[in-house]
Amino acid sequence: AVVTGASSGIGAATVCKLRADGWDVVAVARR
């Protein structure tokens, strides 16, 4: 999954959850 808005809030939490579920994640944000 490519997840945008990943630097904080729901985006960061989604990256954490998907990684815990075994997904390969590209985390995208400005910071």
PDB file of all heavy atoms in Angstrom:
ATOM      1  N   ALA A   1       0.829  -1.201   0.000  1.00  0.00           N
ATOM      2  CA  ALA A   1       0.000   0.000   0.000  1.00  0.00           C
ATOM      3  C   ALA A   1       0.863   1.249   0.000  1.00  0.00           C
ATOM      4  O   ALA A   1       1.900   1.302   0.669  1.00  0.00           O
ATOM      5  CB  ALA A   1      -0.915   0.011   1.225  1.00  0.00           C
ATOM      6  N   VAL A   2       0.426   2.248  -0.721  1.00  0.00           N
ATOM      7  CA  VAL A   2       0.972   3.596  -0.630  1.00  0.00           C
ATOM      8  C   VAL A   2      -0.016   4.404   0.202  1.00  0.00           C
ATOM      9  O   VAL A   2      -1.201   4.474  -0.120  1.00  0.00           O
ATOM     10  CB  VAL A   2       1.145   4.231  -2.022  1.00  0.00           C
ATOM     11  CG1 VAL A   2       1.511   5.707  -1.900  1.00  0.00           C
ATOM     12  CG2 VAL A   2       2.198   3.478  -2.823  1.00  0.00           C
ATOM     13  N   VAL A   3       0.475   4.988   1.294  1.00  0.00           N
ATOM     14  CA  VAL A   3      -0.381   5.725   2.225  1.00  0.00           C
ATOM     15  C   VAL A   3       0.104   7.160   2.296  1.00  0.00           C
ATOM     16  O   VAL A   3       1.243   7.422   2.700  1.00  0.00           O
ATOM     17  CB  VAL A   3      -0.355   5.093   3.638  1.00  0.00           C
ATOM     18  CG1 VAL A   3      -1.233   5.889   4.598  1.00  0.00           C
ATOM     19  CG2 VAL A   3      -0.798   3.636   3.593  1.00  0.00           C
ATOM     20  N   THR A   4      -0.762   8.100   1.922  1.00  0.00           N
ATOM     21  CA  THR A   4      -0.396   9.510   2.011  1.00  0.00           C
ATOM     22  C   THR A   4      -0.838  10.086   3.357  1.00  0.00           C
ATOM     23  O   THR A   4      -1.594   9.473   4.099  1.00  0.00           O
ATOM     24  CB  THR A   4      -1.022  10.326   0.870  1.00  0.00           C
ATOM     25  OG1 THR A   4      -2.444  10.398   1.043  1.00  0.00           O
ATOM     26  CG2 THR A   4      -0.711   9.719  -0.483  1.00  0.00           C
ATOM     27  N   GLY A   5      -0.342  11.285   3.662  1.00  0.00           N
ATOM     28  CA  GLY A   5      -0.672  11.910   4.948  1.00  0.00           C
ATOM     29  C   GLY A   5      -0.095  11.160   6.123  1.00  0.00           C
ATOM     30  O   GLY A   5      -0.652  11.179   7.226  1.00  0.00           O
ATOM     31  N   ALA A   6       1.049  10.502   5.916  1.00  0.00           N
ATOM     32  CA  ALA A   6       1.564   9.539   6.890  1.00  0.00           C
ATOM     33  C   ALA A   6       2.389  10.151   8.016  1.00  0.00           C
ATOM     34  O   ALA A   6       2.862   9.420   8.892  1.00  0.00           O
ATOM     35  CB  ALA A   6       2.416   8.489   6.161  1.00  0.00           C
ATOM     36  N   SER A   7       2.558  11.464   8.044  1.00  0.00           N
ATOM     37  CA  SER A   7       3.448  12.045   9.053  1.00  0.00           C
ATOM     38  C   SER A   7       2.800  12.206  10.419  1.00  0.00           C
ATOM     39  O   SER A   7       3.499  12.426  11.409  1.00  0.00           O
ATOM     40  CB  SER A   7       3.974  13.411   8.575  1.00  0.00           C
ATOM     41  OG  SER A   7       2.904  14.307   8.362  1.00  0.00           O
ATOM     42  N   SER A   8       1.461  12.101  10.493  1.00  0.00           N
ATOM     43  CA  SER A   8       0.802  12.271  11.788  1.00  0.00           C
ATOM     44  C   SER A   8      -0.624  11.740  11.700  1.00  0.00           C
ATOM     45  O   SER A   8      -1.106  11.365  10.625  1.00  0.00           O
ATOM     46  CB  SER A   8       0.767  13.756  12.207  1.00  0.00           C
ATOM     47  OG  SER A   8      -0.045  14.505  11.314  1.00  0.00           O
ATOM     48  N   GLY A   9      -1.301  11.730  12.840  1.00  0.00           N
ATOM     49  CA  GLY A   9      -2.724  11.456  12.885  1.00  0.00           C
ATOM     50  C   GLY A   9      -3.140  10.144  12.265  1.00  0.00           C
ATOM     51  O   GLY A   9      -2.495   9.103  12.443  1.00  0.00           O
ATOM     52  N   ILE A  10      -4.242  10.173  11.509  1.00  0.00           N
ATOM     53  CA  ILE A  10      -4.821   8.960  10.935  1.00  0.00           C
ATOM     54  C   ILE A  10      -3.857   8.312   9.948  1.00  0.00           C
ATOM     55  O   ILE A  10      -3.776   7.075   9.872  1.00  0.00           O
ATOM     56  CB  ILE A  10      -6.159   9.293  10.258  1.00  0.00           C
ATOM     57  CG1 ILE A  10      -7.174   9.785  11.309  1.00  0.00           C
ATOM     58  CG2 ILE A  10      -6.718   8.073   9.525  1.00  0.00           C
ATOM     59  CD1 ILE A  10      -8.444  10.375  10.716  1.00  0.00           C
ATOM     60  N   GLY A  11      -3.116   9.114   9.198  1.00  0.00           N
ATOM     61  CA  GLY A  11      -2.167   8.542   8.249  1.00  0.00           C
ATOM     62  C   GLY A  11      -1.093   7.722   8.928  1.00  0.00           C
ATOM     63  O   GLY A  11      -0.804   6.590   8.523  1.00  0.00           O
ATOM     64  N   ALA A  12      -0.479   8.278   9.958  1.00  0.00           N
ATOM     65  CA  ALA A  12       0.564   7.553  10.692  1.00  0.00           C
ATOM     66  C   ALA A  12      -0.013   6.307  11.355  1.00  0.00           C
ATOM     67  O   ALA A  12       0.605   5.224  11.340  1.00  0.00           O
ATOM     68  CB  ALA A  12       1.202   8.462  11.733  1.00  0.00           C
ATOM     69  N   ALA A  13      -1.196   6.429  11.945  1.00  0.00           N
ATOM     70  CA  ALA A  13      -1.822   5.283  12.597  1.00  0.00           C
ATOM     71  C   ALA A  13      -2.154   4.184  11.594  1.00  0.00           C
ATOM     72  O   ALA A  13      -2.040   2.986  11.894  1.00  0.00           O
ATOM     73  CB  ALA A  13      -3.086   5.722  13.335  1.00  0.00           C
ATOM     74  N   THR A  14      -2.546   4.571  10.386  1.00  0.00           N
ATOM     75  CA  THR A  14      -2.842   3.586   9.346  1.00  0.00           C
ATOM     76  C   THR A  14      -1.596   2.846   8.912  1.00  0.00           C
ATOM     77  O   THR A  14      -1.617   1.622   8.709  1.00  0.00           O
ATOM     78  CB  THR A  14      -3.504   4.291   8.141  1.00  0.00           C
ATOM     79  OG1 THR A  14      -4.764   4.832   8.556  1.00  0.00           O
ATOM     80  CG2 THR A  14      -3.726   3.328   6.995  1.00  0.00           C
ATOM     81  N   VAL A  15      -0.489   3.556   8.773  1.00  0.00           N
ATOM     82  CA  VAL A  15       0.774   2.889   8.447  1.00  0.00           C
ATOM     83  C   VAL A  15       1.117   1.861   9.525  1.00  0.00           C
ATOM     84  O   VAL A  15       1.480   0.721   9.228  1.00  0.00           O
ATOM     85  CB  VAL A  15       1.910   3.917   8.294  1.00  0.00           C
ATOM     86  CG1 VAL A  15       3.268   3.205   8.172  1.00  0.00           C
ATOM     87  CG2 VAL A  15       1.661   4.805   7.082  1.00  0.00           C
ATOM     88  N   CYS A  16       1.000   2.262  10.785  1.00  0.00           N
ATOM     89  CA  CYS A  16       1.300   1.342  11.889  1.00  0.00           C
ATOM     90  C   CYS A  16       0.415   0.101  11.824  1.00  0.00           C
ATOM     91  O   CYS A  16       0.889  -1.033  11.981  1.00  0.00           O
ATOM     92  CB  CYS A  16       1.095   2.044  13.232  1.00  0.00           C
ATOM     93  SG  CYS A  16       2.306   3.323  13.613  1.00  0.00           S
ATOM     94  N   LYS A  17      -0.871   0.312  11.608  1.00  0.00           N
ATOM     95  CA  LYS A  17      -1.809  -0.810  11.600  1.00  0.00           C
ATOM     96  C   LYS A  17      -1.554  -1.739  10.427  1.00  0.00           C
ATOM     97  O   LYS A  17      -1.548  -2.976  10.581  1.00  0.00           O
ATOM     98  CB  LYS A  17      -3.248  -0.266  11.562  1.00  0.00           C
ATOM     99  CG  LYS A  17      -4.328  -1.335  11.479  1.00  0.00           C
ATOM    100  CD  LYS A  17      -4.292  -2.285  12.671  1.00  0.00           C
ATOM    101  CE  LYS A  17      -5.419  -3.303  12.572  1.00  0.00           C
ATOM    102  NZ  LYS A  17      -5.298  -4.352  13.633  1.00  0.00           N
ATOM    103  N   LEU A  18      -1.344  -1.200   9.248  1.00  0.00           N
ATOM    104  CA  LEU A  18      -1.102  -2.051   8.084  1.00  0.00           C
ATOM    105  C   LEU A  18       0.201  -2.820   8.217  1.00  0.00           C
ATOM    106  O   LEU A  18       0.280  -4.005   7.852  1.00  0.00           O
ATOM    107  CB  LEU A  18      -1.099  -1.216   6.804  1.00  0.00           C
ATOM    108  CG  LEU A  18      -2.454  -0.626   6.386  1.00  0.00           C
ATOM    109  CD1 LEU A  18      -2.296   0.179   5.100  1.00  0.00           C
ATOM    110  CD2 LEU A  18      -3.500  -1.718   6.203  1.00  0.00           C
ATOM    111  N   ARG A  19       1.235  -2.194   8.752  1.00  0.00           N
ATOM    112  CA  ARG A  19       2.489  -2.908   8.968  1.00  0.00           C
ATOM    113  C   ARG A  19       2.287  -4.045   9.981  1.00  0.00           C
ATOM    114  O   ARG A  19       2.803  -5.142   9.800  1.00  0.00           O
ATOM    115  CB  ARG A  19       3.574  -1.940   9.471  1.00  0.00           C
ATOM    116  CG  ARG A  19       4.133  -1.030   8.403  1.00  0.00           C
ATOM    117  CD  ARG A  19       4.922  -1.819   7.346  1.00  0.00           C
ATOM    118  NE  ARG A  19       6.062  -2.485   7.954  1.00  0.00           N
ATOM    119  CZ  ARG A  19       6.476  -3.719   7.642  1.00  0.00           C
ATOM    120  NH1 ARG A  19       5.822  -4.441   6.746  1.00  0.00           N
ATOM    121  NH2 ARG A  19       7.532  -4.239   8.242  1.00  0.00           N
ATOM    122  N   ALA A  20       1.521  -3.781  11.020  1.00  0.00           N
ATOM    123  CA  ALA A  20       1.247  -4.831  12.008  1.00  0.00           C
ATOM    124  C   ALA A  20       0.471  -5.983  11.385  1.00  0.00           C
ATOM    125  O   ALA A  20       0.587  -7.132  11.825  1.00  0.00           O
ATOM    126  CB  ALA A  20       0.463  -4.246  13.186  1.00  0.00           C
ATOM    127  N   ASP A  21      -0.296  -5.695  10.345  1.00  0.00           N
ATOM    128  CA  ASP A  21      -1.063  -6.725   9.648  1.00  0.00           C
ATOM    129  C   ASP A  21      -0.274  -7.407   8.539  1.00  0.00           C
ATOM    130  O   ASP A  21      -0.811  -8.248   7.821  1.00  0.00           O
ATOM    131  CB  ASP A  21      -2.333  -6.111   9.046  1.00  0.00           C
ATOM    132  CG  ASP A  21      -3.368  -5.741  10.097  1.00  0.00           C
ATOM    133  OD1 ASP A  21      -3.236  -6.201  11.252  1.00  0.00           O
ATOM    134  OD2 ASP A  21      -4.308  -4.998   9.764  1.00  0.00           O
ATOM    135  N   GLY A  22       0.986  -7.023   8.391  1.00  0.00           N
ATOM    136  CA  GLY A  22       1.839  -7.705   7.429  1.00  0.00           C
ATOM    137  C   GLY A  22       1.959  -7.059   6.065  1.00  0.00           C
ATOM    138  O   GLY A  22       2.518  -7.652   5.146  1.00  0.00           O
ATOM    139  N   TRP A  23       1.467  -5.834   5.928  1.00  0.00           N
ATOM    140  CA  TRP A  23       1.554  -5.157   4.643  1.00  0.00           C
ATOM    141  C   TRP A  23       2.933  -4.536   4.427  1.00  0.00           C
ATOM    142  O   TRP A  23       3.573  -4.076   5.369  1.00  0.00           O
ATOM    143  CB  TRP A  23       0.517  -4.034   4.568  1.00  0.00           C
ATOM    144  CG  TRP A  23      -0.890  -4.480   4.392  1.00  0.00           C
ATOM    145  CD1 TRP A  23      -1.685  -5.098   5.321  1.00  0.00           C
ATOM    146  CD2 TRP A  23      -1.697  -4.324   3.230  1.00  0.00           C
ATOM    147  NE1 TRP A  23      -2.932  -5.337   4.806  1.00  0.00           N
ATOM    148  CE2 TRP A  23      -2.971  -4.865   3.521  1.00  0.00           C
ATOM    149  CE3 TRP A  23      -1.470  -3.766   1.971  1.00  0.00           C
ATOM    150  CZ2 TRP A  23      -4.006  -4.877   2.588  1.00  0.00           C
ATOM    151  CZ3 TRP A  23      -2.507  -3.762   1.051  1.00  0.00           C
ATOM    152  CH2 TRP A  23      -3.758  -4.327   1.359  1.00  0.00           C
ATOM    153  N   ASP A  24       3.345  -4.483   3.174  1.00  0.00           N
ATOM    154  CA  ASP A  24       4.472  -3.647   2.752  1.00  0.00           C
ATOM    155  C   ASP A  24       3.887  -2.259   2.511  1.00  0.00           C
ATOM    156  O   ASP A  24       2.918  -2.120   1.756  1.00  0.00           O
ATOM    157  CB  ASP A  24       5.078  -4.220   1.469  1.00  0.00           C
ATOM    158  CG  ASP A  24       6.279  -3.433   0.964  1.00  0.00           C
ATOM    159  OD1 ASP A  24       6.710  -2.497   1.662  1.00  0.00           O
ATOM    160  OD2 ASP A  24       6.777  -3.763  -0.121  1.00  0.00           O
ATOM    161  N   VAL A  25       4.437  -1.227   3.156  1.00  0.00           N
ATOM    162  CA  VAL A  25       3.837   0.104   3.094  1.00  0.00           C
ATOM    163  C   VAL A  25       4.877   1.141   2.682  1.00  0.00           C
ATOM    164  O   VAL A  25       5.972   1.198   3.245  1.00  0.00           O
ATOM    165  CB  VAL A  25       3.232   0.507   4.457  1.00  0.00           C
ATOM    166  CG1 VAL A  25       2.658   1.920   4.388  1.00  0.00           C
ATOM    167  CG2 VAL A  25       2.154  -0.489   4.889  1.00  0.00           C
ATOM    168  N   VAL A  26       4.507   1.959   1.711  1.00  0.00           N
ATOM    169  CA  VAL A  26       5.274   3.155   1.385  1.00  0.00           C
ATOM    170  C   VAL A  26       4.531   4.326   2.024  1.00  0.00           C
ATOM    171  O   VAL A  26       3.381   4.621   1.669  1.00  0.00           O
ATOM    172  CB  VAL A  26       5.392   3.365  -0.134  1.00  0.00           C
ATOM    173  CG1 VAL A  26       6.150   4.664  -0.422  1.00  0.00           C
ATOM    174  CG2 VAL A  26       6.099   2.177  -0.788  1.00  0.00           C
ATOM    175  N   ALA A  27       5.164   4.950   3.007  1.00  0.00           N
ATOM    176  CA  ALA A  27       4.557   6.035   3.775  1.00  0.00           C
ATOM    177  C   ALA A  27       4.954   7.373   3.161  1.00  0.00           C
ATOM    178  O   ALA A  27       6.148   7.666   3.027  1.00  0.00           O
ATOM    179  CB  ALA A  27       5.004   5.967   5.230  1.00  0.00           C
ATOM    180  N   VAL A  28       3.956   8.175   2.814  1.00  0.00           N
ATOM    181  CA  VAL A  28       4.193   9.411   2.060  1.00  0.00           C
ATOM    182  C   VAL A  28       3.688  10.622   2.852  1.00  0.00           C
ATOM    183  O   VAL A  28       2.572  10.607   3.378  1.00  0.00           O
ATOM    184  CB  VAL A  28       3.465   9.357   0.703  1.00  0.00           C
ATOM    185  CG1 VAL A  28       3.727  10.631  -0.102  1.00  0.00           C
ATOM    186  CG2 VAL A  28       3.886   8.123  -0.086  1.00  0.00           C
ATOM    187  N   ALA A  29       4.513  11.645   2.939  1.00  0.00           N
ATOM    188  CA  ALA A  29       4.123  12.906   3.575  1.00  0.00           C
ATOM    189  C   ALA A  29       5.178  13.951   3.230  1.00  0.00           C
ATOM    190  O   ALA A  29       6.186  13.645   2.582  1.00  0.00           O
ATOM    191  CB  ALA A  29       3.978  12.752   5.090  1.00  0.00           C
ATOM    192  N   ARG A  30       4.960  15.189   3.690  1.00  0.00           N
ATOM    193  CA  ARG A  30       5.902  16.264   3.395  1.00  0.00           C
ATOM    194  C   ARG A  30       7.050  16.339   4.393  1.00  0.00           C
ATOM    195  O   ARG A  30       8.103  16.882   4.100  1.00  0.00           O
ATOM    196  CB  ARG A  30       5.172  17.608   3.386  1.00  0.00           C
ATOM    197  CG  ARG A  30       4.142  17.770   2.271  1.00  0.00           C
ATOM    198  CD  ARG A  30       3.364  19.064   2.430  1.00  0.00           C
ATOM    199  NE  ARG A  30       2.685  19.090   3.720  1.00  0.00           N
ATOM    200  CZ  ARG A  30       2.589  20.160   4.500  1.00  0.00           C
ATOM    201  NH1 ARG A  30       3.161  21.292   4.159  1.00  0.00           N
ATOM    202  NH2 ARG A  30       1.945  20.100   5.636  1.00  0.00           N
ATOM    203  N   ARG A  31       6.851  15.822   5.608  1.00  0.00           N
ATOM    204  CA  ARG A  31       7.814  16.048   6.688  1.00  0.00           C
ATOM    205  C   ARG A  31       8.735  14.843   6.856  1.00  0.00           C
ATOM    206  O   ARG A  31       8.363  13.819   7.411  1.00  0.00           O
ATOM    207  CB  ARG A  31       7.071  16.384   7.981  1.00  0.00           C
ATOM    208  CG  ARG A  31       6.350  17.721   7.887  1.00  0.00           C
ATOM    209  CD  ARG A  31       5.564  18.051   9.133  1.00  0.00           C
ATOM    210  NE  ARG A  31       4.359  17.228   9.270  1.00  0.00           N
ATOM    211  CZ  ARG A  31       3.463  17.401  10.215  1.00  0.00           C
ATOM    212  NH1 ARG A  31       3.618  18.345  11.121  1.00  0.00           N
ATOM    213  NH2 ARG A  31       2.388  16.634  10.265  1.00  0.00           N
TER     214      ARG A  31
END
